[in-house]
PDB file of N, CA and C in Angstrom:
ATOM      1  N   GLN A   1     -19.351  65.597  65.932  1.00  0.00           N
ATOM      2  CA  GLN A   1     -20.449  65.649  64.967  1.00  0.00           C
ATOM      3  C   GLN A   1     -19.876  65.620  63.555  1.00  0.00           C
ATOM      4  N   VAL A   2     -20.573  64.938  62.674  1.00  0.00           N
ATOM      5  CA  VAL A   2     -20.176  64.841  61.276  1.00  0.00           C
ATOM      6  C   VAL A   2     -21.336  65.305  60.419  1.00  0.00           C
ATOM      7  N   GLN A   3     -21.078  66.219  59.521  1.00  0.00           N
ATOM      8  CA  GLN A   3     -22.085  66.654  58.553  1.00  0.00           C
ATOM      9  C   GLN A   3     -21.723  66.100  57.186  1.00  0.00           C
ATOM     10  N   LEU A   4     -22.728  65.586  56.506  1.00  0.00           N
ATOM     11  CA  LEU A   4     -22.506  64.904  55.235  1.00  0.00           C
ATOM     12  C   LEU A   4     -23.319  65.569  54.135  1.00  0.00           C
ATOM     13  N   VAL A   5     -22.690  65.773  52.987  1.00  0.00           N
ATOM     14  CA  VAL A   5     -23.360  66.383  51.840  1.00  0.00           C
ATOM     15  C   VAL A   5     -23.083  65.550  50.601  1.00  0.00           C
ATOM     16  N   GLU A   6     -24.148  64.983  50.041  1.00  0.00           N
ATOM     17  CA  GLU A   6     -24.011  64.175  48.826  1.00  0.00           C
ATOM     18  C   GLU A   6     -24.107  65.049  47.579  1.00  0.00           C
ATOM     19  N   SER A   7     -23.494  64.581  46.514  1.00  0.00           N
ATOM     20  CA  SER A   7     -23.593  65.247  45.215  1.00  0.00           C
ATOM     21  C   SER A   7     -23.362  64.217  44.119  1.00  0.00           C
ATOM     22  N   GLY A   8     -23.698  64.617  42.892  1.00  0.00           N
ATOM     23  CA  GLY A   8     -23.419  63.761  41.743  1.00  0.00           C
ATOM     24  C   GLY A   8     -24.620  63.052  41.164  1.00  0.00           C
ATOM     25  N   GLY A   9     -25.770  63.194  41.790  1.00  0.00           N
ATOM     26  CA  GLY A   9     -26.961  62.552  41.253  1.00  0.00           C
ATOM     27  C   GLY A   9     -27.433  63.233  39.978  1.00  0.00           C
ATOM     28  N   GLY A  10     -28.402  62.597  39.329  1.00  0.00           N
ATOM     29  CA  GLY A  10     -28.933  63.180  38.108  1.00  0.00           C
ATOM     30  C   GLY A  10     -29.805  62.209  37.358  1.00  0.00           C
ATOM     31  N   LEU A  11     -30.199  62.629  36.151  1.00  0.00           N
ATOM     32  CA  LEU A  11     -31.017  61.802  35.266  1.00  0.00           C
ATOM     33  C   LEU A  11     -30.097  61.207  34.197  1.00  0.00           C
ATOM     34  N   VAL A  12     -30.064  59.885  34.123  1.00  0.00           N
ATOM     35  CA  VAL A  12     -29.200  59.200  33.159  1.00  0.00           C
ATOM     36  C   VAL A  12     -29.981  58.088  32.482  1.00  0.00           C
ATOM     37  N   GLN A  13     -29.427  57.602  31.382  1.00  0.00           N
ATOM     38  CA  GLN A  13     -30.038  56.475  30.684  1.00  0.00           C
ATOM     39  C   GLN A  13     -29.498  55.154  31.226  1.00  0.00           C
ATOM     40  N   ALA A  14     -30.265  54.134  31.068  1.00  0.00           N
ATOM     41  CA  ALA A  14     -29.842  52.806  31.504  1.00  0.00           C
ATOM     42  C   ALA A  14     -28.551  52.403  30.797  1.00  0.00           C
ATOM     43  N   GLY A  15     -27.678  51.772  31.570  1.00  0.00           N
ATOM     44  CA  GLY A  15     -26.433  51.272  31.019  1.00  0.00           C
ATOM     45  C   GLY A  15     -25.222  52.156  31.240  1.00  0.00           C
ATOM     46  N   VAL A  16     -25.461  53.407  31.590  1.00  0.00           N
ATOM     47  CA  VAL A  16     -24.326  54.311  31.781  1.00  0.00           C
ATOM     48  C   VAL A  16     -23.826  54.232  33.215  1.00  0.00           C
ATOM     49  N   SER A  17     -22.755  55.011  33.464  1.00  0.00           N
ATOM     50  CA  SER A  17     -22.159  55.061  34.795  1.00  0.00           C
ATOM     51  C   SER A  17     -22.362  56.438  35.406  1.00  0.00           C
ATOM     52  N   LEU A  18     -22.304  56.467  36.722  1.00  0.00           N
ATOM     53  CA  LEU A  18     -22.459  57.722  37.468  1.00  0.00           C
ATOM     54  C   LEU A  18     -21.681  57.572  38.765  1.00  0.00           C
ATOM     55  N   ARG A  19     -21.053  58.654  39.199  1.00  0.00           N
ATOM     56  CA  ARG A  19     -20.331  58.611  40.465  1.00  0.00           C
ATOM     57  C   ARG A  19     -20.931  59.610  41.447  1.00  0.00           C
ATOM     58  N   LEU A  20     -21.292  59.096  42.594  1.00  0.00           N
ATOM     59  CA  LEU A  20     -21.768  59.939  43.686  1.00  0.00           C
ATOM     60  C   LEU A  20     -20.612  60.259  44.633  1.00  0.00           C
ATOM     61  N   SER A  21     -20.671  61.436  45.205  1.00  0.00           N
ATOM     62  CA  SER A  21     -19.692  61.836  46.206  1.00  0.00           C
ATOM     63  C   SER A  21     -20.410  62.229  47.478  1.00  0.00           C
ATOM     64  N   CYS A  22     -19.729  62.063  48.590  1.00  0.00           N
ATOM     65  CA  CYS A  22     -20.270  62.482  49.883  1.00  0.00           C
ATOM     66  C   CYS A  22     -19.137  63.157  50.641  1.00  0.00           C
ATOM     67  N   ALA A  23     -19.269  64.452  50.808  1.00  0.00           N
ATOM     68  CA  ALA A  23     -18.251  65.228  51.510  1.00  0.00           C
ATOM     69  C   ALA A  23     -18.621  65.361  52.983  1.00  0.00           C
ATOM     70  N   ALA A  24     -17.657  65.103  53.838  1.00  0.00           N
ATOM     71  CA  ALA A  24     -17.898  65.146  55.281  1.00  0.00           C
ATOM     72  C   ALA A  24     -17.142  66.295  55.912  1.00  0.00           C
ATOM     73  N   SER A  25     -17.775  66.909  56.890  1.00  0.00           N
ATOM     74  CA  SER A  25     -17.100  67.939  57.671  1.00  0.00           C
ATOM     75  C   SER A  25     -16.533  67.301  58.921  1.00  0.00           C
ATOM     76  N   GLY A  26     -15.600  67.984  59.562  1.00  0.00           N
ATOM     77  CA  GLY A  26     -15.072  67.482  60.820  1.00  0.00           C
ATOM     78  C   GLY A  26     -13.782  66.700  60.647  1.00  0.00           C
ATOM     79  N   ARG A  27     -13.000  66.682  61.702  1.00  0.00           N
ATOM     80  CA  ARG A  27     -11.693  66.032  61.647  1.00  0.00           C
ATOM     81  C   ARG A  27     -11.756  64.567  62.008  1.00  0.00           C
ATOM     82  N   THR A  28     -12.953  64.054  62.332  1.00  0.00           N
ATOM     83  CA  THR A  28     -13.060  62.666  62.767  1.00  0.00           C
ATOM     84  C   THR A  28     -13.575  61.742  61.681  1.00  0.00           C
ATOM     85  N   PHE A  29     -13.601  62.212  60.449  1.00  0.00           N
ATOM     86  CA  PHE A  29     -14.146  61.419  59.344  1.00  0.00           C
ATOM     87  C   PHE A  29     -13.494  60.043  59.273  1.00  0.00           C
ATOM     88  N   SER A  30     -12.194  59.973  59.450  1.00  0.00           N
ATOM     89  CA  SER A  30     -11.480  58.707  59.293  1.00  0.00           C
ATOM     90  C   SER A  30     -11.788  57.719  60.414  1.00  0.00           C
ATOM     91  N   MET A  31     -12.500  58.157  61.446  1.00  0.00           N
ATOM     92  CA  MET A  31     -12.864  57.261  62.542  1.00  0.00           C
ATOM     93  C   MET A  31     -14.148  56.501  62.251  1.00  0.00           C
ATOM     94  N   TYR A  32     -14.859  56.881  61.193  1.00  0.00           N
ATOM     95  CA  TYR A  32     -16.160  56.310  60.902  1.00  0.00           C
ATOM     96  C   TYR A  32     -16.116  55.385  59.695  1.00  0.00           C
ATOM     97  N   ALA A  33     -16.852  54.287  59.809  1.00  0.00           N
ATOM     98  CA  ALA A  33     -17.214  53.537  58.628  1.00  0.00           C
ATOM     99  C   ALA A  33     -18.280  54.335  57.883  1.00  0.00           C
ATOM    100  N   MET A  34     -18.268  54.231  56.578  1.00  0.00           N
ATOM    101  CA  MET A  34     -19.221  54.987  55.763  1.00  0.00           C
ATOM    102  C   MET A  34     -20.066  54.049  54.938  1.00  0.00           C
ATOM    103  N   GLY A  35     -21.305  54.449  54.750  1.00  0.00           N
ATOM    104  CA  GLY A  35     -22.208  53.606  53.977  1.00  0.00           C
ATOM    105  C   GLY A  35     -23.054  54.426  53.031  1.00  0.00           C
ATOM    106  N   TRP A  36     -23.595  53.734  52.057  1.00  0.00           N
ATOM    107  CA  TRP A  36     -24.573  54.302  51.128  1.00  0.00           C
ATOM    108  C   TRP A  36     -25.864  53.486  51.234  1.00  0.00           C
ATOM    109  N   PHE A  37     -26.963  54.206  51.285  1.00  0.00           N
ATOM    110  CA  PHE A  37     -28.294  53.612  51.254  1.00  0.00           C
ATOM    111  C   PHE A  37     -29.072  54.293  50.125  1.00  0.00           C
ATOM    112  N   ARG A  38     -30.178  53.699  49.758  1.00  0.00           N
ATOM    113  CA  ARG A  38     -31.055  54.342  48.788  1.00  0.00           C
ATOM    114  C   ARG A  38     -32.504  54.059  49.159  1.00  0.00           C
ATOM    115  N   GLN A  39     -33.365  54.961  48.716  1.00  0.00           N
ATOM    116  CA  GLN A  39     -34.783  54.809  49.009  1.00  0.00           C
ATOM    117  C   GLN A  39     -35.596  55.254  47.811  1.00  0.00           C
ATOM    118  N   ALA A  40     -36.365  54.328  47.277  1.00  0.00           N
ATOM    119  CA  ALA A  40     -37.274  54.619  46.179  1.00  0.00           C
ATOM    120  C   ALA A  40     -38.644  54.960  46.753  1.00  0.00           C
ATOM    121  N   PRO A  41     -39.466  55.684  45.997  1.00  0.00           N
ATOM    122  CA  PRO A  41     -40.795  56.058  46.504  1.00  0.00           C
ATOM    123  C   PRO A  41     -41.602  54.840  46.923  1.00  0.00           C
ATOM    124  N   GLY A  42     -42.156  54.910  48.130  1.00  0.00           N
ATOM    125  CA  GLY A  42     -42.999  53.837  48.627  1.00  0.00           C
ATOM    126  C   GLY A  42     -42.263  52.615  49.120  1.00  0.00           C
ATOM    127  N   LYS A  43     -40.926  52.680  49.134  1.00  0.00           N
ATOM    128  CA  LYS A  43     -40.135  51.535  49.572  1.00  0.00           C
ATOM    129  C   LYS A  43     -39.300  51.889  50.793  1.00  0.00           C
ATOM    130  N   GLU A  44     -38.848  50.860  51.497  1.00  0.00           N
ATOM    131  CA  GLU A  44     -37.984  51.075  52.655  1.00  0.00           C
ATOM    132  C   GLU A  44     -36.574  51.450  52.198  1.00  0.00           C
ATOM    133  N   ARG A  45     -35.852  52.071  53.113  1.00  0.00           N
ATOM    134  CA  ARG A  45     -34.471  52.419  52.808  1.00  0.00           C
ATOM    135  C   ARG A  45     -33.656  51.134  52.667  1.00  0.00           C
ATOM    136  N   GLU A  46     -32.901  51.051  51.584  1.00  0.00           N
ATOM    137  CA  GLU A  46     -32.171  49.832  51.230  1.00  0.00           C
ATOM    138  C   GLU A  46     -30.667  50.046  51.355  1.00  0.00           C
ATOM    139  N   PHE A  47     -29.992  49.097  51.963  1.00  0.00           N
ATOM    140  CA  PHE A  47     -28.537  49.158  52.059  1.00  0.00           C
ATOM    141  C   PHE A  47     -27.921  48.941  50.690  1.00  0.00           C
ATOM    142  N   VAL A  48     -26.910  49.771  50.375  1.00  0.00           N
ATOM    143  CA  VAL A  48     -26.215  49.662  49.094  1.00  0.00           C
ATOM    144  C   VAL A  48     -24.788  49.167  49.298  1.00  0.00           C
ATOM    145  N   SER A  49     -24.045  49.870  50.146  1.00  0.00           N
ATOM    146  CA  SER A  49     -22.640  49.525  50.304  1.00  0.00           C
ATOM    147  C   SER A  49     -22.074  50.176  51.544  1.00  0.00           C
ATOM    148  N   ALA A  50     -20.970  49.626  52.050  1.00  0.00           N
ATOM    149  CA  ALA A  50     -20.279  50.206  53.192  1.00  0.00           C
ATOM    150  C   ALA A  50     -18.781  49.981  53.044  1.00  0.00           C
ATOM    151  N   ILE A  51     -18.020  50.862  53.689  1.00  0.00           N
ATOM    152  CA  ILE A  51     -16.556  50.766  53.650  1.00  0.00           C
ATOM    153  C   ILE A  51     -16.028  51.100  55.040  1.00  0.00           C
ATOM    154  N   ASN A  52     -15.001  50.381  55.485  1.00  0.00           N
ATOM    155  CA  ASN A  52     -14.494  50.640  56.826  1.00  0.00           C
ATOM    156  C   ASN A  52     -13.582  51.873  56.826  1.00  0.00           C
ATOM    157  N   TRP A  53     -13.125  52.259  58.002  1.00  0.00           N
ATOM    158  CA  TRP A  53     -12.398  53.519  58.127  1.00  0.00           C
ATOM    159  C   TRP A  53     -11.085  53.527  57.373  1.00  0.00           C
ATOM    160  N   SER A  54     -10.431  52.384  57.261  1.00  0.00           N
ATOM    161  CA  SER A  54      -9.137  52.336  56.583  1.00  0.00           C
ATOM    162  C   SER A  54      -9.256  51.975  55.113  1.00  0.00           C
ATOM    163  N   ALA A  55     -10.485  51.785  54.635  1.00  0.00           N
ATOM    164  CA  ALA A  55     -10.754  51.514  53.223  1.00  0.00           C
ATOM    165  C   ALA A  55     -10.186  50.178  52.747  1.00  0.00           C
ATOM    166  N   ASP A  56      -9.925  49.265  53.646  1.00  0.00           N
ATOM    167  CA  ASP A  56      -9.426  47.960  53.216  1.00  0.00           C
ATOM    168  C   ASP A  56     -10.478  46.872  53.309  1.00  0.00           C
ATOM    169  N   SER A  57     -11.703  47.266  53.611  1.00  0.00           N
ATOM    170  CA  SER A  57     -12.798  46.309  53.650  1.00  0.00           C
ATOM    171  C   SER A  57     -14.071  46.972  53.152  1.00  0.00           C
ATOM    172  N   THR A  58     -14.764  46.305  52.241  1.00  0.00           N
ATOM    173  CA  THR A  58     -16.010  46.834  51.691  1.00  0.00           C
ATOM    174  C   THR A  58     -17.094  45.761  51.727  1.00  0.00           C
ATOM    175  N   TYR A  59     -18.311  46.227  51.588  1.00  0.00           N
ATOM    176  CA  TYR A  59     -19.453  45.309  51.688  1.00  0.00           C
ATOM    177  C   TYR A  59     -20.554  45.858  50.797  1.00  0.00           C
ATOM    178  N   TYR A  60     -21.268  44.956  50.095  1.00  0.00           N
ATOM    179  CA  TYR A  60     -22.270  45.395  49.126  1.00  0.00           C
ATOM    180  C   TYR A  60     -23.586  44.652  49.300  1.00  0.00           C
ATOM    181  N   GLY A  61     -24.666  45.354  48.994  1.00  0.00           N
ATOM    182  CA  GLY A  61     -25.953  44.703  48.914  1.00  0.00           C
ATOM    183  C   GLY A  61     -26.015  43.834  47.668  1.00  0.00           C
ATOM    184  N   ASP A  62     -26.832  42.809  47.709  1.00  0.00           N
ATOM    185  CA  ASP A  62     -26.885  41.853  46.599  1.00  0.00           C
ATOM    186  C   ASP A  62     -27.314  42.514  45.288  1.00  0.00           C
ATOM    187  N   SER A  63     -28.171  43.513  45.364  1.00  0.00           N
ATOM    188  CA  SER A  63     -28.709  44.112  44.142  1.00  0.00           C
ATOM    189  C   SER A  63     -27.687  44.959  43.392  1.00  0.00           C
ATOM    190  N   VAL A  64     -26.579  45.313  44.015  1.00  0.00           N
ATOM    191  CA  VAL A  64     -25.585  46.169  43.356  1.00  0.00           C
ATOM    192  C   VAL A  64     -24.225  45.504  43.235  1.00  0.00           C
ATOM    193  N   LYS A  65     -24.083  44.330  43.806  1.00  0.00           N
ATOM    194  CA  LYS A  65     -22.795  43.648  43.804  1.00  0.00           C
ATOM    195  C   LYS A  65     -22.316  43.425  42.368  1.00  0.00           C
ATOM    196  N   GLY A  66     -21.072  43.805  42.118  1.00  0.00           N
ATOM    197  CA  GLY A  66     -20.506  43.654  40.786  1.00  0.00           C
ATOM    198  C   GLY A  66     -20.734  44.842  39.874  1.00  0.00           C
ATOM    199  N   ARG A  67     -21.623  45.757  40.258  1.00  0.00           N
ATOM    200  CA  ARG A  67     -21.901  46.945  39.438  1.00  0.00           C
ATOM    201  C   ARG A  67     -21.462  48.237  40.126  1.00  0.00           C
ATOM    202  N   PHE A  68     -21.531  48.271  41.441  1.00  0.00           N
ATOM    203  CA  PHE A  68     -21.194  49.479  42.195  1.00  0.00           C
ATOM    204  C   PHE A  68     -19.881  49.254  42.947  1.00  0.00           C
ATOM    205  N   THR A  69     -19.131  50.336  43.126  1.00  0.00           N
ATOM    206  CA  THR A  69     -17.883  50.286  43.884  1.00  0.00           C
ATOM    207  C   THR A  69     -17.824  51.461  44.845  1.00  0.00           C
ATOM    208  N   ILE A  70     -17.585  51.161  46.103  1.00  0.00           N
ATOM    209  CA  ILE A  70     -17.449  52.206  47.113  1.00  0.00           C
ATOM    210  C   ILE A  70     -15.966  52.449  47.368  1.00  0.00           C
ATOM    211  N   SER A  71     -15.626  53.692  47.623  1.00  0.00           N
ATOM    212  CA  SER A  71     -14.244  54.042  47.960  1.00  0.00           C
ATOM    213  C   SER A  71     -14.277  55.282  48.845  1.00  0.00           C
ATOM    214  N   ARG A  72     -13.139  55.600  49.428  1.00  0.00           N
ATOM    215  CA  ARG A  72     -13.059  56.796  50.264  1.00  0.00           C
ATOM    216  C   ARG A  72     -11.664  57.380  50.180  1.00  0.00           C
ATOM    217  N   ASP A  73     -11.598  58.675  50.404  1.00  0.00           N
ATOM    218  CA  ASP A  73     -10.331  59.399  50.469  1.00  0.00           C
ATOM    219  C   ASP A  73     -10.345  60.157  51.783  1.00  0.00           C
ATOM    220  N   ASN A  74      -9.674  59.636  52.784  1.00  0.00           N
ATOM    221  CA  ASN A  74      -9.707  60.269  54.098  1.00  0.00           C
ATOM    222  C   ASN A  74      -9.012  61.634  54.095  1.00  0.00           C
ATOM    223  N   ALA A  75      -8.062  61.831  53.205  1.00  0.00           N
ATOM    224  CA  ALA A  75      -7.399  63.140  53.121  1.00  0.00           C
ATOM    225  C   ALA A  75      -8.368  64.209  52.624  1.00  0.00           C
ATOM    226  N   LYS A  76      -9.355  63.798  51.844  1.00  0.00           N
ATOM    227  CA  LYS A  76     -10.350  64.743  51.320  1.00  0.00           C
ATOM    228  C   LYS A  76     -11.674  64.659  52.060  1.00  0.00           C
ATOM    229  N   ASN A  77     -11.749  63.816  53.079  1.00  0.00           N
ATOM    230  CA  ASN A  77     -13.005  63.649  53.832  1.00  0.00           C
ATOM    231  C   ASN A  77     -14.176  63.323  52.907  1.00  0.00           C
ATOM    232  N   THR A  78     -13.947  62.423  51.976  1.00  0.00           N
ATOM    233  CA  THR A  78     -14.962  62.136  50.968  1.00  0.00           C
ATOM    234  C   THR A  78     -15.081  60.636  50.740  1.00  0.00           C
ATOM    235  N   VAL A  79     -16.320  60.195  50.574  1.00  0.00           N
ATOM    236  CA  VAL A  79     -16.597  58.820  50.193  1.00  0.00           C
ATOM    237  C   VAL A  79     -17.319  58.857  48.848  1.00  0.00           C
ATOM    238  N   TYR A  80     -17.042  57.869  48.024  1.00  0.00           N
ATOM    239  CA  TYR A  80     -17.584  57.823  46.666  1.00  0.00           C
ATOM    240  C   TYR A  80     -18.389  56.546  46.454  1.00  0.00           C
ATOM    241  N   LEU A  81     -19.308  56.635  45.516  1.00  0.00           N
ATOM    242  CA  LEU A  81     -20.018  55.449  45.050  1.00  0.00           C
ATOM    243  C   LEU A  81     -20.003  55.495  43.525  1.00  0.00           C
ATOM    244  N   GLN A  82     -19.195  54.640  42.938  1.00  0.00           N
ATOM    245  CA  GLN A  82     -19.140  54.519  41.483  1.00  0.00           C
ATOM    246  C   GLN A  82     -20.187  53.503  41.055  1.00  0.00           C
ATOM    247  N   MET A  83     -21.125  53.961  40.242  1.00  0.00           N
ATOM    248  CA  MET A  83     -22.236  53.114  39.819  1.00  0.00           C
ATOM    249  C   MET A  83     -22.114  52.852  38.321  1.00  0.00           C
ATOM    250  N   SER A  84     -22.102  51.604  37.949  1.00  0.00           N
ATOM    251  CA  SER A  84     -21.974  51.217  36.544  1.00  0.00           C
ATOM    252  C   SER A  84     -23.162  50.364  36.131  1.00  0.00           C
ATOM    253  N   SER A  85     -23.351  50.279  34.823  1.00  0.00           N
ATOM    254  CA  SER A  85     -24.452  49.469  34.280  1.00  0.00           C
ATOM    255  C   SER A  85     -25.761  49.771  34.987  1.00  0.00           C
ATOM    256  N   LEU A  86     -26.067  51.038  35.077  1.00  0.00           N
ATOM    257  CA  LEU A  86     -27.254  51.453  35.814  1.00  0.00           C
ATOM    258  C   LEU A  86     -28.529  50.909  35.173  1.00  0.00           C
ATOM    259  N   LYS A  87     -29.486  50.599  36.027  1.00  0.00           N
ATOM    260  CA  LYS A  87     -30.774  50.048  35.613  1.00  0.00           C
ATOM    261  C   LYS A  87     -31.886  50.962  36.113  1.00  0.00           C
ATOM    262  N   PRO A  88     -33.043  50.923  35.479  1.00  0.00           N
ATOM    263  CA  PRO A  88     -34.158  51.742  35.975  1.00  0.00           C
ATOM    264  C   PRO A  88     -34.493  51.458  37.439  1.00  0.00           C
ATOM    265  N   GLU A  89     -34.297  50.230  37.871  1.00  0.00           N
ATOM    266  CA  GLU A  89     -34.591  49.902  39.274  1.00  0.00           C
ATOM    267  C   GLU A  89     -33.579  50.475  40.258  1.00  0.00           C
ATOM    268  N   ASP A  90     -32.522  51.097  39.756  1.00  0.00           N
ATOM    269  CA  ASP A  90     -31.592  51.806  40.632  1.00  0.00           C
ATOM    270  C   ASP A  90     -32.092  53.212  40.967  1.00  0.00           C
ATOM    271  N   THR A  91     -33.182  53.619  40.355  1.00  0.00           N
ATOM    272  CA  THR A  91     -33.750  54.938  40.611  1.00  0.00           C
ATOM    273  C   THR A  91     -34.160  55.065  42.070  1.00  0.00           C
ATOM    274  N   ALA A  92     -33.629  56.095  42.727  1.00  0.00           N
ATOM    275  CA  ALA A  92     -33.895  56.296  44.160  1.00  0.00           C
ATOM    276  C   ALA A  92     -33.185  57.560  44.610  1.00  0.00           C
ATOM    277  N   VAL A  93     -33.488  57.964  45.826  1.00  0.00           N
ATOM    278  CA  VAL A  93     -32.668  58.962  46.512  1.00  0.00           C
ATOM    279  C   VAL A  93     -31.556  58.202  47.222  1.00  0.00           C
ATOM    280  N   TYR A  94     -30.334  58.633  46.990  1.00  0.00           N
ATOM    281  CA  TYR A  94     -29.168  57.973  47.576  1.00  0.00           C
ATOM    282  C   TYR A  94     -28.643  58.802  48.739  1.00  0.00           C
ATOM    283  N   TYR A  95     -28.416  58.124  49.858  1.00  0.00           N
ATOM    284  CA  TYR A  95     -27.943  58.769  51.076  1.00  0.00           C
ATOM    285  C   TYR A  95     -26.598  58.183  51.499  1.00  0.00           C
ATOM    286  N   CYS A  96     -25.720  59.035  51.959  1.00  0.00           N
ATOM    287  CA  CYS A  96     -24.531  58.514  52.625  1.00  0.00           C
ATOM    288  C   CYS A  96     -24.715  58.673  54.126  1.00  0.00           C
ATOM    289  N   ALA A  97     -24.012  57.851  54.868  1.00  0.00           N
ATOM    290  CA  ALA A  97     -24.167  57.834  56.314  1.00  0.00           C
ATOM    291  C   ALA A  97     -22.866  57.384  56.966  1.00  0.00           C
ATOM    292  N   ALA A  98     -22.706  57.753  58.235  1.00  0.00           N
ATOM    293  CA  ALA A  98     -21.499  57.436  58.996  1.00  0.00           C
ATOM    294  C   ALA A  98     -21.848  56.554  60.185  1.00  0.00           C
ATOM    295  N   SER A  99     -21.019  55.545  60.393  1.00  0.00           N
ATOM    296  CA  SER A  99     -21.255  54.586  61.467  1.00  0.00           C
ATOM    297  C   SER A  99     -19.981  54.353  62.266  1.00  0.00           C
ATOM    298  N   ARG A 100     -20.156  54.103  63.567  1.00  0.00           N
ATOM    299  CA  ARG A 100     -19.006  53.753  64.409  1.00  0.00           C
ATOM    300  C   ARG A 100     -18.765  52.245  64.430  1.00  0.00           C
ATOM    301  N   PHE A 101     -19.606  51.503  63.716  1.00  0.00           N
ATOM    302  CA  PHE A 101     -19.533  50.052  63.789  1.00  0.00           C
ATOM    303  C   PHE A 101     -18.855  49.448  62.569  1.00  0.00           C
ATOM    304  N   TRP A 102     -18.246  48.337  62.786  1.00  0.00           N
ATOM    305  CA  TRP A 102     -17.776  47.438  61.735  1.00  0.00           C
ATOM    306  C   TRP A 102     -17.630  46.062  62.377  1.00  0.00           C
ATOM    307  N   ASP A 103     -17.538  45.049  61.569  1.00  0.00           N
ATOM    308  CA  ASP A 103     -17.330  43.687  62.069  1.00  0.00           C
ATOM    309  C   ASP A 103     -18.494  43.221  62.950  1.00  0.00           C
ATOM    310  N   PRO A 104     -19.630  42.883  62.355  1.00  0.00           N
ATOM    311  CA  PRO A 104     -19.824  42.839  60.892  1.00  0.00           C
ATOM    312  C   PRO A 104     -20.107  44.211  60.300  1.00  0.00           C
ATOM    313  N   PRO A 105     -19.989  44.348  59.005  1.00  0.00           N
ATOM    314  CA  PRO A 105     -20.250  45.646  58.377  1.00  0.00           C
ATOM    315  C   PRO A 105     -21.682  46.098  58.633  1.00  0.00           C
ATOM    316  N   PRO A 106     -21.868  47.361  58.954  1.00  0.00           N
ATOM    317  CA  PRO A 106     -23.213  47.857  59.251  1.00  0.00           C
ATOM    318  C   PRO A 106     -24.068  47.934  58.006  1.00  0.00           C
ATOM    319  N   ALA A 107     -25.209  47.283  58.029  1.00  0.00           N
ATOM    320  CA  ALA A 107     -26.095  47.249  56.871  1.00  0.00           C
ATOM    321  C   ALA A 107     -27.517  47.682  57.217  1.00  0.00           C
ATOM    322  N   ARG A 108     -27.742  48.063  58.449  1.00  0.00           N
ATOM    323  CA  ARG A 108     -29.055  48.546  58.866  1.00  0.00           C
ATOM    324  C   ARG A 108     -28.995  50.039  59.116  1.00  0.00           C
ATOM    325  N   PRO A 109     -30.043  50.768  58.760  1.00  0.00           N
ATOM    326  CA  PRO A 109     -30.034  52.223  59.000  1.00  0.00           C
ATOM    327  C   PRO A 109     -29.781  52.589  60.457  1.00  0.00           C
ATOM    328  N   ASP A 110     -30.265  51.778  61.406  1.00  0.00           N
ATOM    329  CA  ASP A 110     -30.098  52.139  62.811  1.00  0.00           C
ATOM    330  C   ASP A 110     -28.662  51.945  63.310  1.00  0.00           C
ATOM    331  N   GLU A 111     -27.794  51.427  62.471  1.00  0.00           N
ATOM    332  CA  GLU A 111     -26.383  51.305  62.838  1.00  0.00           C
ATOM    333  C   GLU A 111     -25.576  52.540  62.442  1.00  0.00           C
ATOM    334  N   TYR A 112     -26.239  53.490  61.837  1.00  0.00           N
ATOM    335  CA  TYR A 112     -25.577  54.711  61.382  1.00  0.00           C
ATOM    336  C   TYR A 112     -26.039  55.903  62.202  1.00  0.00           C
ATOM    337  N   THR A 113     -25.092  56.774  62.515  1.00  0.00           N
ATOM    338  CA  THR A 113     -25.378  57.907  63.383  1.00  0.00           C
ATOM    339  C   THR A 113     -25.681  59.184  62.605  1.00  0.00           C
ATOM    340  N   TYR A 114     -24.928  59.418  61.559  1.00  0.00           N
ATOM    341  CA  TYR A 114     -25.062  60.668  60.803  1.00  0.00           C
ATOM    342  C   TYR A 114     -25.474  60.357  59.366  1.00  0.00           C
ATOM    343  N   TRP A 115     -26.326  61.234  58.837  1.00  0.00           N
ATOM    344  CA  TRP A 115     -26.879  61.060  57.497  1.00  0.00           C
ATOM    345  C   TRP A 115     -26.786  62.355  56.699  1.00  0.00           C
ATOM    346  N   GLY A 116     -26.603  62.192  55.398  1.00  0.00           N
ATOM    347  CA  GLY A 116     -26.704  63.322  54.492  1.00  0.00           C
ATOM    348  C   GLY A 116     -28.151  63.555  54.096  1.00  0.00           C
ATOM    349  N   GLN A 117     -28.349  64.572  53.269  1.00  0.00           N
ATOM    350  CA  GLN A 117     -29.703  64.954  52.882  1.00  0.00           C
ATOM    351  C   GLN A 117     -30.195  64.170  51.662  1.00  0.00           C
ATOM    352  N   GLY A 118     -29.306  63.491  50.986  1.00  0.00           N
ATOM    353  CA  GLY A 118     -29.676  62.656  49.855  1.00  0.00           C
ATOM    354  C   GLY A 118     -29.492  63.346  48.515  1.00  0.00           C
ATOM    355  N   THR A 119     -29.282  62.540  47.494  1.00  0.00           N
ATOM    356  CA  THR A 119     -29.194  63.033  46.121  1.00  0.00           C
ATOM    357  C   THR A 119     -29.994  62.090  45.221  1.00  0.00           C
ATOM    358  N   GLN A 120     -30.771  62.674  44.316  1.00  0.00           N
ATOM    359  CA  GLN A 120     -31.667  61.879  43.481  1.00  0.00           C
ATOM    360  C   GLN A 120     -30.915  61.288  42.285  1.00  0.00           C
ATOM    361  N   VAL A 121     -31.118  60.009  42.072  1.00  0.00           N
ATOM    362  CA  VAL A 121     -30.611  59.336  40.873  1.00  0.00           C
ATOM    363  C   VAL A 121     -31.813  58.761  40.138  1.00  0.00           C
ATOM    364  N   THR A 122     -31.972  59.146  38.896  1.00  0.00           N
ATOM    365  CA  THR A 122     -33.068  58.651  38.080  1.00  0.00           C
ATOM    366  C   THR A 122     -32.484  58.007  36.828  1.00  0.00           C
ATOM    367  N   VAL A 123     -32.848  56.752  36.611  1.00  0.00           N
ATOM    368  CA  VAL A 123     -32.340  56.005  35.459  1.00  0.00           C
ATOM    369  C   VAL A 123     -33.501  55.714  34.527  1.00  0.00           C
ATOM    370  N   SER A 124     -33.425  56.228  33.326  1.00  0.00           N
ATOM    371  CA  SER A 124     -34.494  56.009  32.346  1.00  0.00           C
ATOM    372  C   SER A 124     -34.165  54.820  31.457  1.00  0.00           C
ATOM    373  N   SER A 125     -35.213  54.150  31.018  1.00  0.00           N
ATOM    374  CA  SER A 125     -35.016  52.947  30.181  1.00  0.00           C
ATOM    375  C   SER A 125     -34.933  53.309  28.711  1.00  0.00           C
TER     376      SER A 125
END
């Protein structure tokens, strides 16, 4: 079992950067691919990014490509999402999740087994 706790969300102005963290419990963290999703009010959960267990392969949703960067530190059991050039449309609850799948990179919520509780990111214009 893997427990995930996100942090780093907040209220920011458009154009700035923000880094989210997701701390995982358990000794099997490095066995999982990790992903970030987000969900805005009234919308479906949207894939943001994913990273494989060895951190040598990443994958991004079209809406964040070139602005967001995913990374992980297996020694710290933590995955990060560095968000730059934030836009009001990035406003959402951001969730991290763990998946046993890769190749192709998991981009659907049903490909992930464990989820965090989410952290709110609000971008004002």
